[in-house]
PDB file of N, CA and C in Angstrom:
ATOM      1  N   MET A   1       0.840  -1.190   0.000  1.00  0.00           N
ATOM      2  CA  MET A   1       0.000   0.000   0.000  1.00  0.00           C
ATOM      3  C   MET A   1       0.876   1.241   0.000  1.00  0.00           C
ATOM      4  N   ALA A   2       0.415   2.252  -0.714  1.00  0.00           N
ATOM      5  CA  ALA A   2       1.179   3.489  -0.848  1.00  0.00           C
ATOM      6  C   ALA A   2       1.214   4.244   0.477  1.00  0.00           C
ATOM      7  N   ASP A   3       2.311   4.923   0.694  1.00  0.00           N
ATOM      8  CA  ASP A   3       2.468   5.728   1.895  1.00  0.00           C
ATOM      9  C   ASP A   3       1.965   7.134   1.577  1.00  0.00           C
ATOM     10  N   PHE A   4       0.686   7.376   1.841  1.00  0.00           N
ATOM     11  CA  PHE A   4       0.065   8.648   1.503  1.00  0.00           C
ATOM     12  C   PHE A   4       0.642   9.780   2.338  1.00  0.00           C
ATOM     13  N   LYS A   5       0.638  10.962   1.775  1.00  0.00           N
ATOM     14  CA  LYS A   5       1.075  12.171   2.463  1.00  0.00           C
ATOM     15  C   LYS A   5      -0.160  12.915   2.964  1.00  0.00           C
ATOM     16  N   THR A   6       0.010  13.656   4.043  1.00  0.00           N
ATOM     17  CA  THR A   6      -1.112  14.375   4.649  1.00  0.00           C
ATOM     18  C   THR A   6      -1.110  15.843   4.238  1.00  0.00           C
ATOM     19  N   ARG A   7      -2.196  16.485   4.573  1.00  0.00           N
ATOM     20  CA  ARG A   7      -2.348  17.920   4.315  1.00  0.00           C
ATOM     21  C   ARG A   7      -1.226  18.693   5.010  1.00  0.00           C
ATOM     22  N   GLN A   8      -0.950  18.338   6.250  1.00  0.00           N
ATOM     23  CA  GLN A   8       0.092  19.029   7.007  1.00  0.00           C
ATOM     24  C   GLN A   8       1.462  18.847   6.349  1.00  0.00           C
ATOM     25  N   GLU A   9       1.769  17.638   5.901  1.00  0.00           N
ATOM     26  CA  GLU A   9       3.043  17.398   5.224  1.00  0.00           C
ATOM     27  C   GLU A   9       3.151  18.225   3.942  1.00  0.00           C
ATOM     28  N   LEU A  10       2.049  18.341   3.221  1.00  0.00           N
ATOM     29  CA  LEU A  10       2.031  19.132   1.997  1.00  0.00           C
ATOM     30  C   LEU A  10       2.290  20.610   2.295  1.00  0.00           C
ATOM     31  N   ILE A  11       1.658  21.121   3.321  1.00  0.00           N
ATOM     32  CA  ILE A  11       1.843  22.525   3.697  1.00  0.00           C
ATOM     33  C   ILE A  11       3.278  22.773   4.154  1.00  0.00           C
ATOM     34  N   TYR A  12       3.823  21.873   4.970  1.00  0.00           N
ATOM     35  CA  TYR A  12       5.215  22.008   5.414  1.00  0.00           C
ATOM     36  C   TYR A  12       6.163  21.997   4.217  1.00  0.00           C
ATOM     37  N   ARG A  13       5.934  21.080   3.264  1.00  0.00           N
ATOM     38  CA  ARG A  13       6.802  20.983   2.082  1.00  0.00           C
ATOM     39  C   ARG A  13       6.723  22.264   1.253  1.00  0.00           C
ATOM     40  N   ALA A  14       5.512  22.818   1.096  1.00  0.00           N
ATOM     41  CA  ALA A  14       5.350  24.069   0.339  1.00  0.00           C
ATOM     42  C   ALA A  14       6.110  25.210   1.016  1.00  0.00           C
ATOM     43  N   LEU A  15       6.043  25.271   2.334  1.00  0.00           N
ATOM     44  CA  LEU A  15       6.773  26.312   3.064  1.00  0.00           C
ATOM     45  C   LEU A  15       8.285  26.114   2.963  1.00  0.00           C
ATOM     46  N   LYS A  16       8.731  24.870   2.939  1.00  0.00           N
ATOM     47  CA  LYS A  16      10.163  24.599   2.736  1.00  0.00           C
ATOM     48  C   LYS A  16      10.578  25.013   1.328  1.00  0.00           C
ATOM     49  N   ASN A  17       9.718  24.751   0.352  1.00  0.00           N
ATOM     50  CA  ASN A  17      10.035  25.081  -1.042  1.00  0.00           C
ATOM     51  C   ASN A  17      10.275  26.568  -1.246  1.00  0.00           C
ATOM     52  N   ILE A  18       9.576  27.402  -0.501  1.00  0.00           N
ATOM     53  CA  ILE A  18       9.749  28.854  -0.689  1.00  0.00           C
ATOM     54  C   ILE A  18      10.674  29.466   0.365  1.00  0.00           C
ATOM     55  N   GLY A  19      11.285  28.607   1.192  1.00  0.00           N
ATOM     56  CA  GLY A  19      12.297  29.082   2.128  1.00  0.00           C
ATOM     57  C   GLY A  19      11.778  29.716   3.400  1.00  0.00           C
ATOM     58  N   ILE A  20      10.539  29.460   3.759  1.00  0.00           N
ATOM     59  CA  ILE A  20       9.985  30.036   4.981  1.00  0.00           C
ATOM     60  C   ILE A  20      10.426  29.244   6.205  1.00  0.00           C
ATOM     61  N   ILE A  21      10.525  27.927   6.072  1.00  0.00           N
ATOM     62  CA  ILE A  21      11.008  27.092   7.174  1.00  0.00           C
ATOM     63  C   ILE A  21      12.146  26.206   6.667  1.00  0.00           C
ATOM     64  N   GLU A  22      12.927  25.728   7.602  1.00  0.00           N
ATOM     65  CA  GLU A  22      14.013  24.792   7.305  1.00  0.00           C
ATOM     66  C   GLU A  22      13.558  23.386   7.665  1.00  0.00           C
ATOM     67  N   ALA A  23      14.302  22.394   7.229  1.00  0.00           N
ATOM     68  CA  ALA A  23      13.978  21.000   7.536  1.00  0.00           C
ATOM     69  C   ALA A  23      13.923  20.796   9.051  1.00  0.00           C
ATOM     70  N   GLY A  24      12.863  20.151   9.502  1.00  0.00           N
ATOM     71  CA  GLY A  24      12.682  19.875  10.921  1.00  0.00           C
ATOM     72  C   GLY A  24      12.100  21.019  11.723  1.00  0.00           C
ATOM     73  N   GLU A  25      11.896  22.144  11.110  1.00  0.00           N
ATOM     74  CA  GLU A  25      11.356  23.317  11.787  1.00  0.00           C
ATOM     75  C   GLU A  25       9.846  23.382  11.582  1.00  0.00           C
ATOM     76  N   ALA A  26       9.135  23.845  12.588  1.00  0.00           N
ATOM     77  CA  ALA A  26       7.680  24.003  12.481  1.00  0.00           C
ATOM     78  C   ALA A  26       7.371  25.452  12.091  1.00  0.00           C
ATOM     79  N   PRO A  27       6.391  25.651  11.216  1.00  0.00           N
ATOM     80  CA  PRO A  27       6.042  27.026  10.824  1.00  0.00           C
ATOM     81  C   PRO A  27       5.234  27.720  11.918  1.00  0.00           C
ATOM     82  N   SER A  28       5.212  29.033  11.843  1.00  0.00           N
ATOM     83  CA  SER A  28       4.351  29.776  12.761  1.00  0.00           C
ATOM     84  C   SER A  28       2.896  29.496  12.397  1.00  0.00           C
ATOM     85  N   SER A  29       2.008  29.722  13.327  1.00  0.00           N
ATOM     86  CA  SER A  29       0.591  29.445  13.069  1.00  0.00           C
ATOM     87  C   SER A  29       0.060  30.352  11.949  1.00  0.00           C
ATOM     88  N   GLU A  30       0.579  31.579  11.845  1.00  0.00           N
ATOM     89  CA  GLU A  30       0.146  32.495  10.789  1.00  0.00           C
ATOM     90  C   GLU A  30       0.595  32.000   9.408  1.00  0.00           C
ATOM     91  N   ASP A  31       1.844  31.546   9.325  1.00  0.00           N
ATOM     92  CA  ASP A  31       2.344  31.028   8.050  1.00  0.00           C
ATOM     93  C   ASP A  31       1.580  29.777   7.637  1.00  0.00           C
ATOM     94  N   TYR A  32       1.341  28.890   8.594  1.00  0.00           N
ATOM     95  CA  TYR A  32       0.606  27.655   8.309  1.00  0.00           C
ATOM     96  C   TYR A  32      -0.807  27.989   7.819  1.00  0.00           C
ATOM     97  N   ALA A  33      -1.471  28.918   8.510  1.00  0.00           N
ATOM     98  CA  ALA A  33      -2.842  29.297   8.144  1.00  0.00           C
ATOM     99  C   ALA A  33      -2.895  29.943   6.758  1.00  0.00           C
ATOM    100  N   THR A  34      -1.882  30.734   6.409  1.00  0.00           N
ATOM    101  CA  THR A  34      -1.833  31.376   5.098  1.00  0.00           C
ATOM    102  C   THR A  34      -1.823  30.337   3.988  1.00  0.00           C
ATOM    103  N   VAL A  35      -0.983  29.323   4.133  1.00  0.00           N
ATOM    104  CA  VAL A  35      -0.891  28.281   3.107  1.00  0.00           C
ATOM    105  C   VAL A  35      -2.118  27.379   3.147  1.00  0.00           C
ATOM    106  N   ASP A  36      -2.579  27.056   4.337  1.00  0.00           N
ATOM    107  CA  ASP A  36      -3.756  26.194   4.485  1.00  0.00           C
ATOM    108  C   ASP A  36      -4.986  26.811   3.820  1.00  0.00           C
ATOM    109  N   ASP A  37      -5.122  28.135   3.916  1.00  0.00           N
ATOM    110  CA  ASP A  37      -6.261  28.826   3.303  1.00  0.00           C
ATOM    111  C   ASP A  37      -6.240  28.733   1.777  1.00  0.00           C
ATOM    112  N   LEU A  38      -5.063  28.552   1.192  1.00  0.00           N
ATOM    113  CA  LEU A  38      -4.949  28.492  -0.259  1.00  0.00           C
ATOM    114  C   LEU A  38      -5.023  27.074  -0.816  1.00  0.00           C
ATOM    115  N   LEU A  39      -4.892  26.071   0.046  1.00  0.00           N
ATOM    116  CA  LEU A  39      -4.847  24.690  -0.443  1.00  0.00           C
ATOM    117  C   LEU A  39      -6.169  24.242  -1.061  1.00  0.00           C
ATOM    118  N   ASP A  40      -7.272  24.441  -0.374  1.00  0.00           N
ATOM    119  CA  ASP A  40      -8.560  23.988  -0.911  1.00  0.00           C
ATOM    120  C   ASP A  40      -8.935  24.696  -2.227  1.00  0.00           C
ATOM    121  N   PRO A  41      -8.758  26.031  -2.321  1.00  0.00           N
ATOM    122  CA  PRO A  41      -9.037  26.668  -3.615  1.00  0.00           C
ATOM    123  C   PRO A  41      -8.106  26.162  -4.730  1.00  0.00           C
ATOM    124  N   LEU A  42      -6.851  25.864  -4.398  1.00  0.00           N
ATOM    125  CA  LEU A  42      -5.932  25.333  -5.399  1.00  0.00           C
ATOM    126  C   LEU A  42      -6.387  23.969  -5.890  1.00  0.00           C
ATOM    127  N   VAL A  43      -6.773  23.101  -4.964  1.00  0.00           N
ATOM    128  CA  VAL A  43      -7.253  21.763  -5.328  1.00  0.00           C
ATOM    129  C   VAL A  43      -8.507  21.870  -6.188  1.00  0.00           C
ATOM    130  N   ALA A  44      -9.399  22.781  -5.831  1.00  0.00           N
ATOM    131  CA  ALA A  44     -10.621  22.987  -6.620  1.00  0.00           C
ATOM    132  C   ALA A  44     -10.294  23.510  -8.019  1.00  0.00           C
ATOM    133  N   GLN A  45      -9.324  24.408  -8.118  1.00  0.00           N
ATOM    134  CA  GLN A  45      -8.941  24.958  -9.417  1.00  0.00           C
ATOM    135  C   GLN A  45      -8.303  23.883 -10.294  1.00  0.00           C
ATOM    136  N   LEU A  46      -7.435  23.056  -9.721  1.00  0.00           N
ATOM    137  CA  LEU A  46      -6.816  21.980 -10.492  1.00  0.00           C
ATOM    138  C   LEU A  46      -7.869  21.014 -11.023  1.00  0.00           C
ATOM    139  N   ALA A  47      -8.893  20.730 -10.222  1.00  0.00           N
ATOM    140  CA  ALA A  47      -9.974  19.843 -10.660  1.00  0.00           C
ATOM    141  C   ALA A  47     -10.820  20.519 -11.740  1.00  0.00           C
ATOM    142  N   ALA A  48     -11.136  21.797 -11.561  1.00  0.00           N
ATOM    143  CA  ALA A  48     -11.959  22.515 -12.537  1.00  0.00           C
ATOM    144  C   ALA A  48     -11.250  22.660 -13.882  1.00  0.00           C
ATOM    145  N   ASP A  49      -9.937  22.786 -13.840  1.00  0.00           N
ATOM    146  CA  ASP A  49      -9.152  22.911 -15.078  1.00  0.00           C
ATOM    147  C   ASP A  49      -8.806  21.554 -15.678  1.00  0.00           C
ATOM    148  N   ASP A  50      -9.322  20.476 -15.095  1.00  0.00           N
ATOM    149  CA  ASP A  50      -9.040  19.108 -15.554  1.00  0.00           C
ATOM    150  C   ASP A  50      -7.549  18.792 -15.571  1.00  0.00           C
ATOM    151  N   ILE A  51      -6.832  19.321 -14.605  1.00  0.00           N
ATOM    152  CA  ILE A  51      -5.406  19.054 -14.498  1.00  0.00           C
ATOM    153  C   ILE A  51      -5.185  17.829 -13.614  1.00  0.00           C
ATOM    154  N   PHE A  52      -5.756  17.858 -12.419  1.00  0.00           N
ATOM    155  CA  PHE A  52      -5.642  16.721 -11.511  1.00  0.00           C
ATOM    156  C   PHE A  52      -6.713  16.852 -10.441  1.00  0.00           C
ATOM    157  N   TYR A  53      -7.302  15.721 -10.060  1.00  0.00           N
ATOM    158  CA  TYR A  53      -8.305  15.713  -9.009  1.00  0.00           C
ATOM    159  C   TYR A  53      -7.709  15.053  -7.774  1.00  0.00           C
ATOM    160  N   VAL A  54      -7.641  15.799  -6.688  1.00  0.00           N
ATOM    161  CA  VAL A  54      -7.170  15.273  -5.412  1.00  0.00           C
ATOM    162  C   VAL A  54      -8.397  14.831  -4.632  1.00  0.00           C
ATOM    163  N   HIS A  55      -8.516  13.543  -4.395  1.00  0.00           N
ATOM    164  CA  HIS A  55      -9.697  13.004  -3.715  1.00  0.00           C
ATOM    165  C   HIS A  55      -9.782  13.447  -2.269  1.00  0.00           C
ATOM    166  N   ASP A  56      -8.654  13.430  -1.573  1.00  0.00           N
ATOM    167  CA  ASP A  56      -8.635  13.756  -0.153  1.00  0.00           C
ATOM    168  C   ASP A  56      -7.293  14.405   0.157  1.00  0.00           C
ATOM    169  N   THR A  57      -7.311  15.617   0.707  1.00  0.00           N
ATOM    170  CA  THR A  57      -6.057  16.304   0.993  1.00  0.00           C
ATOM    171  C   THR A  57      -5.321  15.710   2.189  1.00  0.00           C
ATOM    172  N   ASP A  58      -5.926  14.753   2.864  1.00  0.00           N
ATOM    173  CA  ASP A  58      -5.223  14.041   3.932  1.00  0.00           C
ATOM    174  C   ASP A  58      -4.688  12.702   3.459  1.00  0.00           C
ATOM    175  N   GLU A  59      -4.908  12.362   2.199  1.00  0.00           N
ATOM    176  CA  GLU A  59      -4.364  11.145   1.600  1.00  0.00           C
ATOM    177  C   GLU A  59      -3.883  11.478   0.190  1.00  0.00           C
ATOM    178  N   ILE A  60      -2.764  12.168   0.122  1.00  0.00           N
ATOM    179  CA  ILE A  60      -2.202  12.600  -1.155  1.00  0.00           C
ATOM    180  C   ILE A  60      -1.256  11.522  -1.658  1.00  0.00           C
ATOM    181  N   GLN A  61      -1.448  11.110  -2.899  1.00  0.00           N
ATOM    182  CA  GLN A  61      -0.611  10.073  -3.484  1.00  0.00           C
ATOM    183  C   GLN A  61       0.838  10.560  -3.526  1.00  0.00           C
ATOM    184  N   PRO A  62       1.782   9.663  -3.237  1.00  0.00           N
ATOM    185  CA  PRO A  62       3.195  10.061  -3.200  1.00  0.00           C
ATOM    186  C   PRO A  62       3.708  10.648  -4.517  1.00  0.00           C
ATOM    187  N   GLU A  63       3.211  10.152  -5.641  1.00  0.00           N
ATOM    188  CA  GLU A  63       3.700  10.646  -6.927  1.00  0.00           C
ATOM    189  C   GLU A  63       3.241  12.069  -7.239  1.00  0.00           C
ATOM    190  N   VAL A  64       2.197  12.549  -6.572  1.00  0.00           N
ATOM    191  CA  VAL A  64       1.686  13.898  -6.818  1.00  0.00           C
ATOM    192  C   VAL A  64       2.183  14.886  -5.767  1.00  0.00           C
ATOM    193  N   TYR A  65       2.739  14.363  -4.706  1.00  0.00           N
ATOM    194  CA  TYR A  65       3.138  15.173  -3.552  1.00  0.00           C
ATOM    195  C   TYR A  65       4.093  16.308  -3.925  1.00  0.00           C
ATOM    196  N   LEU A  66       5.170  16.012  -4.613  1.00  0.00           N
ATOM    197  CA  LEU A  66       6.165  17.051  -4.927  1.00  0.00           C
ATOM    198  C   LEU A  66       5.658  18.105  -5.903  1.00  0.00           C
ATOM    199  N   PRO A  67       5.065  17.722  -7.053  1.00  0.00           N
ATOM    200  CA  PRO A  67       4.579  18.797  -7.934  1.00  0.00           C
ATOM    201  C   PRO A  67       3.459  19.619  -7.293  1.00  0.00           C
ATOM    202  N   LEU A  68       2.605  18.972  -6.513  1.00  0.00           N
ATOM    203  CA  LEU A  68       1.523  19.702  -5.846  1.00  0.00           C
ATOM    204  C   LEU A  68       2.083  20.656  -4.795  1.00  0.00           C
ATOM    205  N   SER A  69       3.104  20.232  -4.061  1.00  0.00           N
ATOM    206  CA  SER A  69       3.704  21.118  -3.053  1.00  0.00           C
ATOM    207  C   SER A  69       4.410  22.299  -3.714  1.00  0.00           C
ATOM    208  N   ARG A  70       5.019  22.064  -4.879  1.00  0.00           N
ATOM    209  CA  ARG A  70       5.675  23.166  -5.588  1.00  0.00           C
ATOM    210  C   ARG A  70       4.644  24.174  -6.107  1.00  0.00           C
ATOM    211  N   ILE A  71       3.524  23.677  -6.624  1.00  0.00           N
ATOM    212  CA  ILE A  71       2.467  24.585  -7.094  1.00  0.00           C
ATOM    213  C   ILE A  71       1.905  25.371  -5.916  1.00  0.00           C
ATOM    214  N   LEU A  72       1.654  24.700  -4.800  1.00  0.00           N
ATOM    215  CA  LEU A  72       1.125  25.376  -3.615  1.00  0.00           C
ATOM    216  C   LEU A  72       2.088  26.447  -3.121  1.00  0.00           C
ATOM    217  N   GLY A  73       3.373  26.121  -3.065  1.00  0.00           N
ATOM    218  CA  GLY A  73       4.367  27.106  -2.649  1.00  0.00           C
ATOM    219  C   GLY A  73       4.427  28.284  -3.607  1.00  0.00           C
ATOM    220  N   ASN A  74       4.318  27.995  -4.884  1.00  0.00           N
ATOM    221  CA  ASN A  74       4.347  29.037  -5.897  1.00  0.00           C
ATOM    222  C   ASN A  74       3.139  29.965  -5.771  1.00  0.00           C
ATOM    223  N   ILE A  75       1.973  29.377  -5.525  1.00  0.00           N
ATOM    224  CA  ILE A  75       0.742  30.166  -5.411  1.00  0.00           C
ATOM    225  C   ILE A  75       0.755  31.048  -4.157  1.00  0.00           C
ATOM    226  N   CYS A  76       1.303  30.527  -3.060  1.00  0.00           N
ATOM    227  CA  CYS A  76       1.307  31.325  -1.824  1.00  0.00           C
ATOM    228  C   CYS A  76       2.527  32.237  -1.741  1.00  0.00           C
ATOM    229  N   GLY A  77       3.426  32.168  -2.715  1.00  0.00           N
ATOM    230  CA  GLY A  77       4.617  33.014  -2.719  1.00  0.00           C
ATOM    231  C   GLY A  77       4.360  34.495  -2.531  1.00  0.00           C
ATOM    232  N   PRO A  78       3.377  35.091  -3.228  1.00  0.00           N
ATOM    233  CA  PRO A  78       3.134  36.527  -3.045  1.00  0.00           C
ATOM    234  C   PRO A  78       2.801  36.921  -1.607  1.00  0.00           C
ATOM    235  N   ASP A  79       2.203  36.026  -0.847  1.00  0.00           N
ATOM    236  CA  ASP A  79       1.914  36.330   0.557  1.00  0.00           C
ATOM    237  C   ASP A  79       3.187  36.404   1.389  1.00  0.00           C
ATOM    238  N   PHE A  80       4.272  35.851   0.866  1.00  0.00           N
ATOM    239  CA  PHE A  80       5.546  35.846   1.579  1.00  0.00           C
ATOM    240  C   PHE A  80       6.604  36.686   0.860  1.00  0.00           C
ATOM    241  N   GLY A  81       6.179  37.484  -0.113  1.00  0.00           N
ATOM    242  CA  GLY A  81       7.081  38.424  -0.749  1.00  0.00           C
ATOM    243  C   GLY A  81       7.766  37.960  -2.010  1.00  0.00           C
ATOM    244  N   SER A  82       7.375  36.823  -2.578  1.00  0.00           N
ATOM    245  CA  SER A  82       7.978  36.401  -3.846  1.00  0.00           C
ATOM    246  C   SER A  82       6.877  36.271  -4.904  1.00  0.00           C
ATOM    247  N   PRO A  83       7.175  36.659  -6.135  1.00  0.00           N
ATOM    248  CA  PRO A  83       6.155  36.615  -7.183  1.00  0.00           C
ATOM    249  C   PRO A  83       5.869  35.179  -7.633  1.00  0.00           C
ATOM    250  N   ILE A  84       4.722  34.998  -8.259  1.00  0.00           N
ATOM    251  CA  ILE A  84       4.382  33.695  -8.826  1.00  0.00           C
ATOM    252  C   ILE A  84       5.252  33.466 -10.048  1.00  0.00           C
ATOM    253  N   ASN A  85       5.845  32.285 -10.130  1.00  0.00           N
ATOM    254  CA  ASN A  85       6.659  31.901 -11.269  1.00  0.00           C
ATOM    255  C   ASN A  85       5.771  31.084 -12.202  1.00  0.00           C
ATOM    256  N   GLU A  86       5.242  31.739 -13.237  1.00  0.00           N
ATOM    257  CA  GLU A  86       4.293  31.098 -14.157  1.00  0.00           C
ATOM    258  C   GLU A  86       4.920  29.907 -14.886  1.00  0.00           C
ATOM    259  N   GLU A  87       6.185  30.029 -15.240  1.00  0.00           N
ATOM    260  CA  GLU A  87       6.859  28.947 -15.957  1.00  0.00           C
ATOM    261  C   GLU A  87       6.951  27.689 -15.085  1.00  0.00           C
ATOM    262  N   ALA A  88       7.308  27.860 -13.824  1.00  0.00           N
ATOM    263  CA  ALA A  88       7.391  26.719 -12.910  1.00  0.00           C
ATOM    264  C   ALA A  88       6.008  26.141 -12.644  1.00  0.00           C
ATOM    265  N   LYS A  89       5.011  27.010 -12.525  1.00  0.00           N
ATOM    266  CA  LYS A  89       3.637  26.557 -12.295  1.00  0.00           C
ATOM    267  C   LYS A  89       3.153  25.692 -13.461  1.00  0.00           C
ATOM    268  N   LEU A  90       3.380  26.170 -14.676  1.00  0.00           N
ATOM    269  CA  LEU A  90       2.967  25.415 -15.859  1.00  0.00           C
ATOM    270  C   LEU A  90       3.710  24.090 -15.962  1.00  0.00           C
ATOM    271  N   SER A  91       4.974  24.094 -15.617  1.00  0.00           N
ATOM    272  CA  SER A  91       5.770  22.861 -15.658  1.00  0.00           C
ATOM    273  C   SER A  91       5.213  21.825 -14.687  1.00  0.00           C
ATOM    274  N   ASP A  92       4.894  22.246 -13.468  1.00  0.00           N
ATOM    275  CA  ASP A  92       4.336  21.312 -12.482  1.00  0.00           C
ATOM    276  C   ASP A  92       2.925  20.873 -12.855  1.00  0.00           C
ATOM    277  N   GLU A  93       2.156  21.758 -13.471  1.00  0.00           N
ATOM    278  CA  GLU A  93       0.825  21.362 -13.939  1.00  0.00           C
ATOM    279  C   GLU A  93       0.932  20.307 -15.036  1.00  0.00           C
ATOM    280  N   LEU A  94       1.933  20.433 -15.889  1.00  0.00           N
ATOM    281  CA  LEU A  94       2.141  19.422 -16.923  1.00  0.00           C
ATOM    282  C   LEU A  94       2.484  18.064 -16.322  1.00  0.00           C
ATOM    283  N   VAL A  95       3.266  18.066 -15.257  1.00  0.00           N
ATOM    284  CA  VAL A  95       3.588  16.807 -14.570  1.00  0.00           C
ATOM    285  C   VAL A  95       2.308  16.177 -14.037  1.00  0.00           C
ATOM    286  N   LEU A  96       1.449  16.984 -13.417  1.00  0.00           N
ATOM    287  CA  LEU A  96       0.187  16.456 -12.889  1.00  0.00           C
ATOM    288  C   LEU A  96      -0.713  15.948 -14.006  1.00  0.00           C
ATOM    289  N   ARG A  97      -0.752  16.658 -15.128  1.00  0.00           N
ATOM    290  CA  ARG A  97      -1.550  16.195 -16.275  1.00  0.00           C
ATOM    291  C   ARG A  97      -1.034  14.852 -16.780  1.00  0.00           C
ATOM    292  N   ARG A  98       0.277  14.715 -16.868  1.00  0.00           N
ATOM    293  CA  ARG A  98       0.871  13.463 -17.341  1.00  0.00           C
ATOM    294  C   ARG A  98       0.547  12.318 -16.385  1.00  0.00           C
ATOM    295  N   LEU A  99       0.662  12.586 -15.097  1.00  0.00           N
ATOM    296  CA  LEU A  99       0.336  11.549 -14.110  1.00  0.00           C
ATOM    297  C   LEU A  99      -1.132  11.154 -14.186  1.00  0.00           C
ATOM    298  N   ASN A 100      -1.974  12.122 -14.420  1.00  0.00           N
ATOM    299  CA  ASN A 100      -3.408  11.872 -14.511  1.00  0.00           C
ATOM    300  C   ASN A 100      -3.757  11.101 -15.787  1.00  0.00           C
ATOM    301  N   ALA A 101      -3.089  11.412 -16.874  1.00  0.00           N
ATOM    302  CA  ALA A 101      -3.408  10.795 -18.154  1.00  0.00           C
ATOM    303  C   ALA A 101      -2.921   9.356 -18.249  1.00  0.00           C
ATOM    304  N   SER A 102      -1.852   9.034 -17.571  1.00  0.00           N
ATOM    305  CA  SER A 102      -1.272   7.703 -17.717  1.00  0.00           C
ATOM    306  C   SER A 102      -1.726   6.725 -16.644  1.00  0.00           C
ATOM    307  N   ARG A 103      -2.609   7.143 -15.797  1.00  0.00           N
ATOM    308  CA  ARG A 103      -3.044   6.295 -14.702  1.00  0.00           C
ATOM    309  C   ARG A 103      -4.238   5.441 -15.126  1.00  0.00           C
ATOM    310  N   PRO A 104      -4.141   4.126 -15.024  1.00  0.00           N
ATOM    311  CA  PRO A 104      -5.307   3.277 -15.324  1.00  0.00           C
ATOM    312  C   PRO A 104      -6.344   3.407 -14.216  1.00  0.00           C
ATOM    313  N   THR A 105      -7.603   3.299 -14.585  1.00  0.00           N
ATOM    314  CA  THR A 105      -8.668   3.437 -13.593  1.00  0.00           C
ATOM    315  C   THR A 105      -9.081   2.106 -12.984  1.00  0.00           C
ATOM    316  N   PHE A 106      -8.869   1.012 -13.706  1.00  0.00           N
ATOM    317  CA  PHE A 106      -9.244  -0.331 -13.267  1.00  0.00           C
ATOM    318  C   PHE A 106     -10.747  -0.466 -13.021  1.00  0.00           C
ATOM    319  N   GLU A 107     -11.521   0.438 -13.603  1.00  0.00           N
ATOM    320  CA  GLU A 107     -12.972   0.347 -13.489  1.00  0.00           C
ATOM    321  C   GLU A 107     -13.500  -0.574 -14.592  1.00  0.00           C
ATOM    322  N   ALA A 108     -14.579  -1.270 -14.262  1.00  0.00           N
ATOM    323  CA  ALA A 108     -15.210  -2.136 -15.265  1.00  0.00           C
ATOM    324  C   ALA A 108     -15.858  -1.242 -16.314  1.00  0.00           C
ATOM    325  N   MET A 109     -15.707  -1.649 -17.567  1.00  0.00           N
ATOM    326  CA  MET A 109     -16.286  -0.886 -18.648  1.00  0.00           C
ATOM    327  C   MET A 109     -17.794  -1.120 -18.679  1.00  0.00           C
ATOM    328  N   LYS A 110     -18.538  -0.041 -18.798  1.00  0.00           N
ATOM    329  CA  LYS A 110     -19.988  -0.133 -18.846  1.00  0.00           C
ATOM    330  C   LYS A 110     -20.413  -0.369 -20.292  1.00  0.00           C
ATOM    331  N   VAL A 111     -21.278  -1.339 -20.481  1.00  0.00           N
ATOM    332  CA  VAL A 111     -21.709  -1.716 -21.821  1.00  0.00           C
ATOM    333  C   VAL A 111     -23.208  -1.490 -21.940  1.00  0.00           C
ATOM    334  N   ASP A 112     -23.615  -0.947 -23.080  1.00  0.00           N
ATOM    335  CA  ASP A 112     -25.037  -0.786 -23.382  1.00  0.00           C
ATOM    336  C   ASP A 112     -25.432  -1.858 -24.377  1.00  0.00           C
ATOM    337  N   TYR A 113     -26.276  -2.781 -23.927  1.00  0.00           N
ATOM    338  CA  TYR A 113     -26.761  -3.819 -24.816  1.00  0.00           C
ATOM    339  C   TYR A 113     -28.013  -3.300 -25.515  1.00  0.00           C
ATOM    340  N   PHE A 114     -28.192  -3.702 -26.753  1.00  0.00           N
ATOM    341  CA  PHE A 114     -29.331  -3.236 -27.533  1.00  0.00           C
ATOM    342  C   PHE A 114     -30.592  -3.899 -27.101  1.00  0.00           C
TER     343      PHE A 114
END
C-alpha cells in the first residue's frame, strides 16, 4: 500500500520550497494558516481545469506530492514576498496532467446492450 502524504506534510513541504522554514522546523501558526487557506481553492482549481483531481487532501498520493507542493508554494509566494513563477507553475501542472493521463482506472467498462 502506498504511503500517503497528509495535508500538514504538503503545507510544510510548500513552506520549505519557498524558504519560509528549514527541515525539521515548524512554521508559525500564521504562516501555516496562510498556506492552508490556499490549499482547498488550489485543489478545486486543479480539478476545474481538468489538471488533476485530489480526492482527499489528507491522503495525497506520493507521486503527486512534490509537484503539488511546488504549485502550492508558488501560489502562496506573493503572501511571503515572492512573485508567482508562471513557468514553474505550468511545468508542475504538466507533470500532474501526465500523471493523470497515464493512470489506469481499473474500473469495469460499462456496456449498453441493444
